[in-house]
Amino acid sequence: MRDPRTQKLAHLIVHHSTKLQAGEAMLIEAFDLRNALVLDLVEEVQKVGGIPVVSLRDNAVLRAQLLNATEKQLQLQSDIELHQMKQVQAYVGIRASDNVSELADVPSDKMALYQKLVAQPVHLNYRVNHTRWVVLRWPNAGMAQLANTSTEKFEDFYFDVCNVDYKLMQKAIVPLRERMLRTDRVHIKAPGTDLRFSIKDVGVVSCHGERNIPDGECFTAPVRDSVEGTIRYNTQSVYLGTTYDQLEFTFEKGRIVKATGTPQDKLDQLLDTDEGARYIGEFSLGFNPNILKPMKDTLFDEKIAGSLHFTPGQCYETTENGNRSKVHWDLVLIQRPEYGGGEIWFDDELIRKDGRFVVKDLEGLNPENLSR
């Protein structure tokens, strides 16, 4: 039986997130999912006169491909996927993986080759910058387990956070975007964190359901060489199948000069992927009112109310700071009191304390005002 909540989500994706028009094509790329939202998206795309192109993927199959992958194999895969991407105007990526660690035992050199030849040219370079795209997860038992809830409770949570009032959020973000556009110096304080950098003249993007679902963030990037100090992240992160924890970075002139965390060996390898992996490509504030705790899924964790993420690796063209990398790793610091608290200062003005915006024009982004 089809769930009416997926029909509502499909409508949101087609009409709000991608704004698909008649005659346009949408690539629906689904990992470990072949029905549910995929079927509703196909129908919704056809209702507006669009062309649904469906690619069903499987992470276990991807793992098998990568374990002994050759450069020739991955280059061919890249050519095919890039050609397909260039035929569409919109992209929806759905991930329903039962095992977030499916790729954990892929050798690091094979994963780096995949990032270089497939992920970067197809997604980071082309899809992100030349299509109207949105990515999301799909609720299943594996995700419920990560969130420490029952499957039924997690499904309810999922639809609550995905179907928030994005029109209200879009209006509330405007003052934050304007403040960030005129800000030069940022100072972040939290337990184990004392970080300073500039965001002057970089660009700012507000996010309200048009790129990620769930959504709720406003991002920019630091001036590449301006980052000084230390940040201690307080959430775990799953990246390319490996779970990282207790991460702490120290910066000098924008570069990560000291990095600690577990597993240390994989952390060192990841940050040594290329020179840009040790510089920051994104700084963002999260404020989805219905996401309050981490669940080892970046798409959710980076939107946690009262959080920020500070991202080693590739910047976006819309917030250009010159950093180039095969890596883009969103790492989250939550600043609400139960996670140790913290402060964010823009040009010597305190704008957020313990996860709550404390200046009048930004109070609309506090949870009680986005949940109406």
Protein backbone atom coordinates (compact mmCIF):
# COMPACT_ATOMS: atom_id res chain seq x y z
CA MET A 1 0.00 0.00 0.00
CA ARG A 2 1.32 3.45 -0.93
CA ASP A 3 1.79 5.90 1.94
CA PRO A 4 0.06 9.28 1.33
CA ARG A 5 2.99 10.97 3.09
CA THR A 6 5.28 9.93 0.22
CA GLN A 7 2.89 11.51 -2.26
CA LYS A 8 3.14 14.77 -0.30
CA LEU A 9 6.94 14.48 -0.33
CA ALA A 10 7.03 13.78 -4.06
CA HIS A 11 4.87 16.86 -4.67
CA LEU A 12 7.27 18.95 -2.54
CA ILE A 13 10.29 17.67 -4.50
CA VAL A 14 8.82 18.26 -7.95
CA HIS A 15 7.10 21.59 -7.31
CA HIS A 16 9.20 23.25 -4.58
CA SER A 17 12.66 21.67 -4.58
CA THR A 18 13.30 21.30 -8.32
CA LYS A 19 10.45 23.38 -9.80
CA LEU A 20 10.24 20.95 -12.70
CA GLN A 21 8.56 22.27 -15.84
CA ALA A 22 6.82 20.48 -18.70
CA GLY A 23 9.31 18.99 -21.14
CA GLU A 24 12.16 18.87 -18.61
CA ALA A 25 13.83 15.64 -17.53
CA MET A 26 14.49 14.51 -13.97
CA LEU A 27 17.03 11.83 -13.05
CA ILE A 28 15.74 9.82 -10.08
CA GLU A 29 18.74 7.95 -8.65
CA ALA A 30 17.70 5.57 -5.87
CA PHE A 31 20.12 3.52 -3.77
CA ASP A 32 18.62 0.33 -2.30
CA LEU A 33 15.07 1.48 -3.05
CA ARG A 34 12.85 0.47 -5.95
CA ASN A 35 9.30 1.44 -4.96
CA ALA A 36 7.64 3.83 -2.49
CA LEU A 37 8.94 7.35 -3.20
CA VAL A 38 10.41 6.30 -6.57
CA LEU A 39 6.94 5.40 -7.85
CA ASP A 40 5.36 8.58 -6.50
CA LEU A 41 8.11 10.70 -8.07
CA VAL A 42 7.64 9.05 -11.47
CA GLU A 43 3.93 9.80 -11.33
CA GLU A 44 4.39 13.39 -10.10
CA VAL A 45 6.98 14.13 -12.81
CA GLN A 46 4.62 12.83 -15.47
CA LYS A 47 1.74 14.91 -14.08
CA VAL A 48 3.64 18.12 -14.86
CA GLY A 49 4.61 16.87 -18.31
CA GLY A 50 8.18 16.02 -17.34
CA ILE A 51 10.35 13.06 -18.27
CA PRO A 52 11.30 10.66 -15.43
CA VAL A 53 14.66 8.93 -15.89
CA VAL A 54 15.23 6.26 -13.23
CA SER A 55 18.54 4.73 -12.12
CA LEU A 56 18.26 2.03 -9.44
CA ARG A 57 21.52 1.53 -7.56
CA ASP A 58 22.73 -0.89 -4.89
CA ASN A 59 25.54 -0.19 -2.42
CA ALA A 60 26.47 -3.86 -2.13
CA VAL A 61 26.95 -3.94 -5.90
CA LEU A 62 28.94 -0.69 -5.76
CA ARG A 63 31.18 -2.25 -3.11
CA ALA A 64 31.82 -5.26 -5.35
CA GLN A 65 32.71 -2.93 -8.22
CA LEU A 66 35.10 -0.87 -6.11
CA LEU A 67 37.01 -3.64 -4.32
CA ASN A 68 39.11 -4.38 -7.41
CA ALA A 69 38.31 -1.35 -9.50
CA THR A 70 40.70 -0.19 -12.20
CA GLU A 71 41.17 3.31 -13.52
CA LYS A 72 39.77 2.22 -16.91
CA GLN A 73 36.65 0.80 -15.26
CA LEU A 74 35.95 3.92 -13.21
CA GLN A 75 36.66 6.26 -16.11
CA LEU A 76 34.10 4.39 -18.22
CA GLN A 77 31.59 4.56 -15.37
CA SER A 78 32.24 8.29 -15.03
CA ASP A 79 31.77 8.90 -18.76
CA ILE A 80 28.43 7.07 -18.74
CA GLU A 81 27.12 8.76 -15.59
CA LEU A 82 28.25 12.22 -16.69
CA HIS A 83 26.59 11.78 -20.08
CA GLN A 84 23.36 10.77 -18.36
CA MET A 85 23.54 13.72 -15.97
CA LYS A 86 24.01 16.15 -18.85
CA GLN A 87 20.70 15.03 -20.39
CA VAL A 88 18.56 16.15 -17.44
CA GLN A 89 17.59 19.45 -15.89
CA ALA A 90 16.79 18.10 -12.42
CA TYR A 91 18.19 15.40 -10.15
CA VAL A 92 16.81 13.59 -7.11
CA GLY A 93 19.13 11.31 -5.13
CA ILE A 94 17.46 8.93 -2.66
CA ARG A 95 19.52 6.75 -0.32
CA ALA A 96 17.84 3.95 1.59
CA SER A 97 20.91 1.96 2.62
CA ASP A 98 20.30 -0.62 5.33
CA ASN A 99 24.02 -0.61 6.20
CA VAL A 100 25.75 2.78 6.28
CA SER A 101 29.09 0.95 6.59
CA GLU A 102 28.66 -1.08 3.39
CA LEU A 103 31.70 0.59 1.82
CA ALA A 104 33.87 0.58 4.97
CA ASP A 105 36.22 -2.16 3.78
CA VAL A 106 36.82 -0.73 0.32
CA PRO A 107 40.57 0.03 0.17
CA SER A 108 41.28 3.73 0.65
CA ASP A 109 43.17 3.98 -2.65
CA LYS A 110 40.15 2.55 -4.54
CA MET A 111 37.79 4.93 -2.76
CA ALA A 112 40.05 7.87 -3.55
CA LEU A 113 40.11 6.83 -7.21
CA TYR A 114 36.31 6.63 -7.22
CA GLN A 115 36.07 10.10 -5.70
CA LYS A 116 38.48 11.50 -8.27
CA LEU A 117 37.08 9.87 -11.40
CA VAL A 118 33.37 9.51 -10.65
CA ALA A 119 32.05 11.46 -7.66
CA GLN A 120 33.88 14.73 -8.30
CA PRO A 121 33.27 15.21 -12.04
CA VAL A 122 29.73 13.83 -12.04
CA HIS A 123 28.37 15.25 -8.79
CA LEU A 124 30.63 17.90 -7.21
CA ASN A 125 31.47 19.57 -10.52
CA TYR A 126 28.50 19.00 -12.84
CA ARG A 127 25.38 17.98 -10.94
CA VAL A 128 25.81 20.49 -8.10
CA ASN A 129 26.46 23.41 -10.42
CA HIS A 130 24.38 22.64 -13.52
CA THR A 131 21.14 20.96 -12.41
CA ARG A 132 18.34 21.73 -10.00
CA TRP A 133 19.03 18.99 -7.50
CA VAL A 134 17.85 17.62 -4.20
CA VAL A 135 19.12 14.69 -2.12
CA LEU A 136 17.39 12.82 0.67
CA ARG A 137 17.38 9.60 2.66
CA TRP A 138 14.60 7.05 2.93
CA PRO A 139 13.44 5.75 6.33
CA ASN A 140 14.18 2.11 7.08
CA ALA A 141 15.16 -0.14 9.95
CA GLY A 142 18.85 0.70 9.53
CA MET A 143 18.25 4.42 9.93
CA ALA A 144 15.92 3.81 12.87
CA GLN A 145 18.68 1.83 14.55
CA LEU A 146 21.14 4.72 14.07
CA ALA A 147 18.58 7.04 15.64
CA ASN A 148 17.94 4.60 18.53
CA THR A 149 14.20 4.46 17.83
CA SER A 150 11.65 1.98 16.58
CA THR A 151 11.09 1.83 12.84
CA GLU A 152 7.56 3.22 13.16
CA LYS A 153 8.66 6.11 15.36
CA PHE A 154 11.51 6.92 13.00
CA GLU A 155 9.15 7.01 10.02
CA ASP A 156 6.97 9.54 11.84
CA PHE A 157 10.06 11.60 12.71
CA TYR A 158 11.26 11.42 9.09
CA PHE A 159 8.08 12.82 7.60
CA ASP A 160 7.85 15.49 10.32
CA VAL A 161 11.34 16.83 9.58
CA CYS A 162 11.05 16.50 5.80
CA ASN A 163 7.68 18.20 5.47
CA VAL A 164 8.27 21.29 7.62
CA ASP A 165 6.90 24.66 6.49
CA TYR A 166 9.67 25.62 4.07
CA LYS A 167 7.88 28.80 3.01
CA LEU A 168 7.99 30.03 6.61
CA MET A 169 11.63 28.97 6.89
CA GLN A 170 12.52 30.74 3.64
CA LYS A 171 11.16 34.03 4.99
CA ALA A 172 12.88 33.63 8.38
CA ILE A 173 16.31 33.00 6.79
CA VAL A 174 16.42 36.32 4.94
CA PRO A 175 17.81 38.41 7.86
CA LEU A 176 20.50 35.79 8.58
CA ARG A 177 21.61 35.74 4.97
CA GLU A 178 21.78 39.55 4.94
CA ARG A 179 23.85 39.56 8.14
CA MET A 180 26.26 36.97 6.78
CA LEU A 181 26.68 38.93 3.55
CA ARG A 182 27.85 42.00 5.46
CA THR A 183 29.94 40.12 8.03
CA ASP A 184 33.73 40.03 7.96
CA ARG A 185 34.92 38.33 11.19
CA VAL A 186 33.39 35.21 12.73
CA HIS A 187 34.33 33.89 16.18
CA ILE A 188 33.09 30.50 17.40
CA LYS A 189 33.36 29.38 21.03
CA ALA A 190 32.45 26.03 22.59
CA PRO A 191 34.10 23.44 24.85
CA GLY A 192 37.42 22.68 23.18
CA THR A 193 36.67 25.20 20.43
CA ASP A 194 38.03 28.69 19.88
CA LEU A 195 37.97 29.50 16.17
CA ARG A 196 38.25 32.71 14.16
CA PHE A 197 37.96 33.35 10.43
CA SER A 198 36.64 35.78 7.83
CA ILE A 199 33.67 35.31 5.49
CA LYS A 200 34.01 38.69 3.80
CA ASP A 201 32.80 38.85 0.18
CA VAL A 202 32.46 35.06 -0.18
CA GLY A 203 28.72 34.72 -0.86
CA VAL A 204 25.89 33.20 1.17
CA VAL A 205 23.23 30.61 0.28
CA SER A 206 20.03 30.00 2.24
CA CYS A 207 18.61 26.47 2.19
CA HIS A 208 14.89 25.80 2.62
CA GLY A 209 14.03 22.55 0.87
CA GLU A 210 15.51 23.23 -2.56
CA ARG A 211 18.73 21.17 -2.29
CA ASN A 212 18.37 18.89 0.71
CA ILE A 213 15.38 17.29 2.36
CA PRO A 214 15.22 17.66 5.29
CA ASP A 215 16.58 21.19 5.12
CA GLY A 216 17.27 24.17 7.30
CA GLU A 217 20.67 25.85 7.02
CA CYS A 218 22.42 28.95 5.71
CA PHE A 219 25.96 28.51 4.43
CA THR A 220 28.97 30.38 3.18
CA ALA A 221 32.70 29.58 3.27
CA PRO A 222 35.64 31.09 5.13
CA VAL A 223 38.24 33.10 3.29
CA ARG A 224 40.56 30.18 2.54
CA ASP A 225 43.65 31.25 4.48
CA SER A 226 41.85 33.07 7.32
CA VAL A 227 40.98 30.18 9.67
CA GLU A 228 42.89 30.22 12.96
CA GLY A 229 42.36 28.21 16.13
CA THR A 230 40.81 24.90 17.13
CA ILE A 231 37.44 23.22 16.68
CA ARG A 232 36.25 20.13 18.53
CA TYR A 233 33.27 18.44 16.89
CA ASN A 234 30.78 16.70 19.19
CA THR A 235 28.94 14.42 16.76
CA GLN A 236 30.04 11.24 15.04
CA SER A 237 30.33 11.26 11.26
CA VAL A 238 29.98 8.46 8.73
CA TYR A 239 31.99 9.30 5.60
CA LEU A 240 32.52 6.84 2.75
CA GLY A 241 31.45 3.99 5.00
CA THR A 242 33.75 4.77 7.96
CA THR A 243 32.49 6.14 11.28
CA TYR A 244 34.68 8.93 12.72
CA ASP A 245 34.51 10.16 16.31
CA GLN A 246 36.17 12.60 18.74
CA LEU A 247 37.44 14.81 15.92
CA GLU A 248 39.49 17.89 16.72
CA PHE A 249 41.28 20.13 14.19
CA THR A 250 43.80 22.92 14.73
CA PHE A 251 44.24 25.52 11.98
CA GLU A 252 47.03 27.87 11.02
CA LYS A 253 46.56 30.23 8.06
CA GLY A 254 43.51 28.24 7.00
CA ARG A 255 45.19 24.83 6.95
CA ILE A 256 44.55 21.89 9.28
CA VAL A 257 47.97 21.45 10.87
CA LYS A 258 46.86 19.01 13.56
CA ALA A 259 44.01 16.50 13.41
CA THR A 260 43.03 13.95 16.02
CA GLY A 261 40.18 11.46 16.08
CA THR A 262 39.26 7.84 15.62
CA PRO A 263 40.17 5.96 13.56
CA GLN A 264 43.34 8.07 13.37
CA ASP A 265 44.87 6.22 10.42
CA LYS A 266 41.82 6.68 8.19
CA LEU A 267 41.49 10.30 9.31
CA ASP A 268 45.07 11.00 8.26
CA GLN A 269 44.53 9.27 4.92
CA LEU A 270 41.35 11.22 4.24
CA LEU A 271 42.91 14.60 5.03
CA ASP A 272 45.88 13.69 2.83
CA THR A 273 43.62 12.97 -0.17
CA ASP A 274 44.79 16.26 -1.68
CA GLU A 275 45.93 19.70 -0.50
CA GLY A 276 42.38 21.08 -0.45
CA ALA A 277 41.21 18.44 2.02
CA ARG A 278 43.07 20.30 4.78
CA TYR A 279 41.29 23.59 4.04
CA ILE A 280 37.66 24.51 4.68
CA GLY A 281 35.08 24.69 1.91
CA GLU A 282 31.91 25.49 3.87
CA PHE A 283 30.68 27.12 7.08
CA SER A 284 26.99 26.77 7.85
CA LEU A 285 24.42 27.28 10.60
CA GLY A 286 21.68 24.64 11.09
CA PHE A 287 18.15 25.30 12.39
CA ASN A 288 15.60 22.61 11.43
CA PRO A 289 13.23 22.80 14.44
CA ASN A 290 12.39 19.09 14.41
CA ILE A 291 15.96 17.73 14.33
CA LEU A 292 17.43 17.87 17.81
CA LYS A 293 19.96 15.04 18.12
CA PRO A 294 22.56 13.39 15.86
CA MET A 295 21.96 10.06 14.16
CA LYS A 296 25.18 9.57 12.19
CA ASP A 297 23.57 10.74 8.96
CA THR A 298 25.01 13.98 7.63
CA LEU A 299 21.89 15.00 5.73
CA PHE A 300 20.01 15.13 9.05
CA ASP A 301 22.80 16.02 11.47
CA GLU A 302 23.94 19.15 9.60
CA LYS A 303 20.43 20.61 9.98
CA ILE A 304 20.20 20.09 13.77
CA ALA A 305 18.68 23.09 15.55
CA GLY A 306 21.46 25.01 17.29
CA SER A 307 24.27 23.42 15.27
CA LEU A 308 26.93 24.49 12.83
CA HIS A 309 29.04 22.56 10.38
CA PHE A 310 32.58 23.36 9.33
CA THR A 311 33.56 21.40 6.25
CA PRO A 312 37.00 20.29 5.10
CA GLY A 313 37.30 20.12 1.32
CA GLN A 314 35.63 21.40 -1.82
CA CYS A 315 33.74 24.68 -1.75
CA TYR A 316 30.60 25.39 -3.77
CA GLU A 317 30.75 27.70 -6.79
CA THR A 318 27.97 29.76 -5.19
CA THR A 319 30.21 30.43 -2.16
CA GLU A 320 33.54 30.46 -3.91
CA ASN A 321 36.68 30.63 -1.75
CA GLY A 322 39.08 28.97 -4.19
CA ASN A 323 39.38 25.64 -2.40
CA ARG A 324 39.43 22.53 -4.58
CA SER A 325 39.33 18.95 -3.31
CA LYS A 326 37.86 15.52 -3.99
CA VAL A 327 36.63 15.71 -0.38
CA HIS A 328 33.58 17.55 0.97
CA TRP A 329 33.09 16.42 4.57
CA ASP A 330 30.35 18.10 6.61
CA LEU A 331 31.30 17.85 10.29
CA VAL A 332 28.86 19.02 12.95
CA LEU A 333 29.19 20.90 16.23
CA ILE A 334 26.01 21.25 18.30
CA GLN A 335 25.94 24.25 20.66
CA ARG A 336 22.76 23.73 22.66
CA PRO A 337 23.29 23.51 26.48
CA GLU A 338 22.92 19.73 26.66
CA TYR A 339 25.86 19.45 24.25
CA GLY A 340 28.08 21.90 26.12
CA GLY A 341 26.73 25.19 24.79
CA GLY A 342 28.66 27.74 22.79
CA GLU A 343 28.63 31.13 21.12
CA ILE A 344 28.80 32.56 17.60
CA TRP A 345 29.96 36.14 17.08
CA PHE A 346 29.73 38.20 13.88
CA ASP A 347 32.04 41.23 13.89
CA ASP A 348 32.15 41.31 17.72
CA GLU A 349 28.35 40.97 18.07
CA LEU A 350 26.96 37.87 19.76
CA ILE A 351 24.30 36.48 17.39
CA ARG A 352 23.75 32.97 18.79
CA LYS A 353 24.28 31.62 22.32
CA ASP A 354 23.76 28.01 23.40
CA GLY A 355 22.07 27.27 20.09
CA ARG A 356 19.53 30.11 20.22
CA PHE A 357 19.63 33.25 18.12
CA VAL A 358 19.79 36.21 20.51
CA VAL A 359 19.41 39.21 18.17
CA LYS A 360 15.87 40.30 17.37
CA ASP A 361 15.97 40.00 13.59
CA LEU A 362 17.12 36.36 13.81
CA GLU A 363 14.69 35.15 16.49
CA GLY A 364 12.40 33.80 13.76
CA LEU A 365 14.90 30.96 13.27
CA ASN A 366 14.51 29.66 16.83
CA PRO A 367 12.60 26.35 16.96
CA GLU A 368 9.36 27.63 18.45
CA ASN A 369 9.01 30.15 15.62
CA LEU A 370 9.68 27.65 12.81
CA SER A 371 7.27 25.05 14.21
CA ARG A 372 4.10 27.11 13.95
